[in-house]
Protein backbone atom coordinates (compact mmCIF):
# COMPACT_ATOMS: atom_id res chain seq x y z
CA MET A 1 0.00 0.00 0.00
CA THR A 2 1.32 3.43 -0.96
CA SER A 3 0.47 6.67 0.80
CA SER A 4 -1.80 7.61 -2.09
CA SER A 5 -3.87 4.50 -1.44
CA VAL A 6 -4.58 5.78 2.08
CA LEU A 7 -6.33 8.70 0.43
CA ASP A 8 -8.21 6.35 -1.88
CA LEU A 9 -9.40 3.63 0.52
CA ALA A 10 -12.63 5.44 1.41
CA PRO A 11 -14.03 8.96 1.16
CA VAL A 12 -13.83 9.35 4.93
CA VAL A 13 -11.20 8.25 7.44
CA PRO A 14 -12.72 7.97 10.93
CA VAL A 15 -10.63 9.73 13.58
CA VAL A 16 -10.97 7.55 16.67
CA VAL A 17 -10.20 8.58 20.27
CA LEU A 18 -10.81 5.73 22.71
CA GLU A 19 -10.45 5.68 26.48
CA ASP A 20 -11.08 1.93 26.75
CA ALA A 21 -9.18 -0.59 24.63
CA ALA A 22 -12.06 -3.05 25.08
CA ASP A 23 -14.07 -0.89 22.67
CA ALA A 24 -11.47 -1.14 19.91
CA VAL A 25 -12.55 -4.34 18.16
CA PRO A 26 -16.34 -3.83 18.15
CA LEU A 27 -15.91 -0.21 17.06
CA ALA A 28 -13.55 -1.16 14.23
CA ARG A 29 -15.87 -3.93 13.09
CA ALA A 30 -18.79 -1.48 12.97
CA LEU A 31 -16.80 1.02 10.93
CA VAL A 32 -15.63 -1.64 8.46
CA ALA A 33 -19.16 -3.02 8.15
CA GLY A 34 -20.34 0.50 7.34
CA GLY A 35 -17.79 0.81 4.55
CA LEU A 36 -14.94 2.70 6.23
CA PRO A 37 -11.91 0.38 6.39
CA ALA A 38 -9.21 3.00 7.06
CA ILE A 39 -9.27 3.91 10.76
CA GLU A 40 -7.04 6.54 12.34
CA VAL A 41 -6.49 5.88 16.05
CA THR A 42 -5.14 9.01 17.68
CA LEU A 43 -2.42 8.92 20.31
CA ARG A 44 -4.38 11.22 22.61
CA THR A 45 -5.28 8.57 25.18
CA ALA A 46 -3.29 6.13 27.31
CA PRO A 47 -4.63 2.93 25.69
CA ALA A 48 -4.05 4.12 22.10
CA LEU A 49 -1.28 1.61 21.37
CA ASP A 50 -3.40 -1.22 22.79
CA VAL A 51 -6.28 -0.06 20.59
CA ILE A 52 -4.06 -0.23 17.51
CA LYS A 53 -2.76 -3.66 18.51
CA ALA A 54 -6.27 -5.05 19.04
CA ILE A 55 -7.62 -3.78 15.73
CA ALA A 56 -4.55 -4.97 13.82
CA ALA A 57 -4.81 -8.44 15.38
CA GLU A 58 -8.55 -9.01 15.36
CA VAL A 59 -10.12 -6.97 12.54
CA PRO A 60 -8.33 -8.12 9.37
CA ASP A 61 -10.50 -6.06 7.04
CA ALA A 62 -9.53 -2.84 8.81
CA VAL A 63 -6.55 -0.74 7.77
CA VAL A 64 -5.58 0.74 11.11
CA GLY A 65 -3.37 3.79 11.31
CA ALA A 66 -2.01 6.07 13.99
CA GLY A 67 -2.87 9.75 14.33
CA THR A 68 -1.38 12.58 16.37
CA VAL A 69 2.07 11.18 15.56
CA ILE A 70 4.47 13.90 16.68
CA SER A 71 7.80 12.19 17.40
CA ALA A 72 10.15 9.53 16.10
CA GLN A 73 9.27 7.48 19.18
CA ASN A 74 5.59 7.68 18.25
CA VAL A 75 6.49 6.39 14.79
CA ALA A 76 8.42 3.42 16.20
CA ASP A 77 5.83 2.55 18.82
CA THR A 78 2.80 2.69 16.52
CA VAL A 79 4.38 0.73 13.69
CA ALA A 80 5.44 -1.92 16.20
CA ALA A 81 1.82 -2.02 17.42
CA GLY A 82 0.57 -2.73 13.91
CA ALA A 83 -0.20 0.69 12.43
CA ARG A 84 -0.34 0.51 8.64
CA PHE A 85 -0.25 4.27 8.08
CA LEU A 86 0.76 7.36 10.05
CA VAL A 87 -0.86 10.78 10.32
CA SER A 88 0.66 13.84 11.97
CA PRO A 89 -0.91 17.23 12.78
CA GLY A 90 2.28 18.93 11.57
CA TRP A 91 5.82 18.00 10.69
CA THR A 92 9.49 18.70 11.29
CA ASP A 93 12.54 17.37 9.46
CA VAL A 94 13.17 14.88 12.28
CA LEU A 95 9.57 13.62 12.26
CA LEU A 96 9.46 13.45 8.47
CA ASP A 97 12.66 11.42 8.35
CA ALA A 98 11.24 8.99 10.91
CA MET A 99 7.99 8.61 8.99
CA LYS A 100 9.86 8.13 5.71
CA GLY A 101 11.99 5.44 7.33
CA SER A 102 9.03 3.63 8.91
CA GLY A 103 8.15 1.54 5.89
CA VAL A 104 4.47 2.51 6.05
CA PRO A 105 2.54 5.27 4.26
CA PHE A 106 2.22 8.61 6.04
CA LEU A 107 0.33 11.88 5.82
CA PRO A 108 2.26 14.79 7.36
CA GLY A 109 0.12 17.72 8.46
CA VAL A 110 0.20 21.14 6.79
CA SER A 111 -1.76 24.34 7.12
CA THR A 112 0.26 26.81 4.99
CA THR A 113 1.45 27.04 1.41
CA SER A 114 5.09 27.12 2.50
CA GLU A 115 4.68 23.84 4.37
CA VAL A 116 3.19 22.25 1.27
CA VAL A 117 6.04 23.48 -0.91
CA ALA A 118 8.61 22.26 1.62
CA LEU A 119 7.08 18.77 1.56
CA LEU A 120 6.99 18.75 -2.24
CA GLU A 121 10.72 19.55 -2.16
CA ARG A 122 11.16 16.41 -0.04
CA GLY A 123 9.22 14.28 -2.51
CA VAL A 124 6.01 14.09 -0.45
CA THR A 125 2.78 14.71 -2.38
CA GLU A 126 0.12 13.35 0.02
CA MET A 127 -0.62 15.39 3.13
CA LYS A 128 -3.10 16.03 5.90
CA PHE A 129 -4.60 19.55 5.86
CA PHE A 130 -5.16 20.49 9.48
CA PRO A 131 -7.02 22.13 11.13
CA ALA A 132 -9.08 22.24 7.97
CA GLU A 133 -11.95 24.56 8.89
CA ALA A 134 -9.82 26.90 11.00
CA ALA A 135 -7.05 27.05 8.38
CA GLY A 136 -9.25 28.21 5.54
CA GLY A 137 -11.40 25.25 4.58
CA THR A 138 -12.44 24.51 1.02
CA ALA A 139 -11.62 28.02 -0.22
CA TYR A 140 -7.99 27.63 0.86
CA LEU A 141 -7.63 24.17 -0.69
CA LYS A 142 -9.25 25.34 -3.92
CA ALA A 143 -6.77 28.21 -4.10
CA LEU A 144 -3.86 25.76 -3.65
CA SER A 145 -4.97 23.48 -6.47
CA ALA A 146 -3.92 25.79 -9.32
CA PRO A 147 -0.28 26.54 -8.32
CA LEU A 148 0.30 23.19 -6.57
CA PRO A 149 -1.75 20.59 -8.46
CA GLN A 150 0.63 17.77 -7.52
CA ALA A 151 -0.32 18.01 -3.82
CA ARG A 152 -3.23 15.87 -2.56
CA PHE A 153 -4.85 16.25 0.81
CA CYS A 154 -6.87 14.61 3.55
CA PRO A 155 -8.49 17.61 5.28
CA THR A 156 -9.25 17.01 8.96
CA GLY A 157 -10.53 19.27 11.72
CA GLY A 158 -14.05 20.55 12.12
CA ILE A 159 -15.45 18.62 9.15
CA SER A 160 -18.98 17.20 9.39
CA LEU A 161 -21.31 15.05 7.31
CA ALA A 162 -22.79 18.28 5.93
CA SER A 163 -19.48 19.92 4.98
CA ALA A 164 -17.60 16.84 3.79
CA PRO A 165 -19.09 16.78 0.25
CA SER A 166 -17.75 20.25 -0.55
CA TYR A 167 -14.25 19.07 0.35
CA LEU A 168 -14.58 15.79 -1.56
CA ALA A 169 -15.63 17.71 -4.68
CA LEU A 170 -12.20 19.39 -4.86
CA PRO A 171 -9.69 17.86 -7.31
CA ASN A 172 -6.85 17.91 -4.76
CA VAL A 173 -8.78 16.14 -1.97
CA GLY A 174 -8.56 12.36 -1.80
CA CYS A 175 -10.57 11.89 1.39
CA VAL A 176 -11.52 13.70 4.57
CA GLY A 177 -10.96 12.83 8.21
CA GLY A 178 -13.67 13.19 10.80
CA SER A 179 -15.11 11.88 14.03
CA TRP A 180 -18.83 12.47 13.57
CA MET A 181 -19.43 8.77 12.85
CA VAL A 182 -17.94 7.80 16.23
CA PRO A 183 -19.85 10.10 18.60
CA GLY A 184 -18.89 9.84 22.25
CA ASP A 185 -22.37 8.96 23.42
CA ALA A 186 -22.62 6.05 20.99
CA VAL A 187 -19.24 4.71 22.09
CA ALA A 188 -20.16 5.10 25.75
CA ALA A 189 -23.41 3.23 25.15
CA LYS A 190 -21.59 0.64 23.00
CA ASP A 191 -24.19 1.35 20.32
CA TRP A 192 -22.18 -0.22 17.50
CA ALA A 193 -25.25 -0.42 15.25
CA ARG A 194 -25.46 3.37 15.31
CA VAL A 195 -21.75 3.66 14.52
CA GLU A 196 -22.20 1.29 11.57
CA ARG A 197 -25.16 3.34 10.30
CA LEU A 198 -23.23 6.61 10.57
CA ALA A 199 -20.24 5.01 8.87
CA GLY A 200 -22.50 3.88 6.05
CA GLU A 201 -23.74 7.44 5.55
CA ALA A 202 -20.15 8.68 5.40
CA ALA A 203 -19.04 5.93 3.02
CA ALA A 204 -21.85 6.88 0.64
CA LEU A 205 -20.62 10.46 0.29
CA ARG A 206 -18.66 9.55 -2.82
CA GLY A 207 -20.90 6.99 -4.40
């Protein structure tokens, strides 16, 4: 799998934040059943590595990745846990070198034109645009497409079911990231049927 295939697996990549690793497998199964196989597990909670390990081991149809990757140690730990792609909110030369050396696809985060150009200089053409809504949204990405058509993005941050189609209509957007299909109340209630239904709605955005 190349980094471009991360952008092409599904129109939406669920951004998952779990406090309990026991929820990992049923949540992942619900997302996959709904049509969203690429799952970004963020490193914002203590059990994140255990969540990645569980999904990698027990949900073979899922393509589990790690989000909020901000250090070389994060890269090493998540790949060892079974992460098949990496996503960062931003990047530095040290982090980029670690992600390049990881052997798995990665999406470094950008929010300015200069950051995009710097990544293109390093041979990286697939990126996360974050925080998407706060950084200029669809208007900003549309403006980037003319001078920098070789750059493709996964916008994440503040995107909803209602706003996702306008992003997905842009030529330089491969997919979007979002968490609306994994609402906290559904996870707390272990309402995996609701998660599957919401995932199905998201998967249908690019029919």
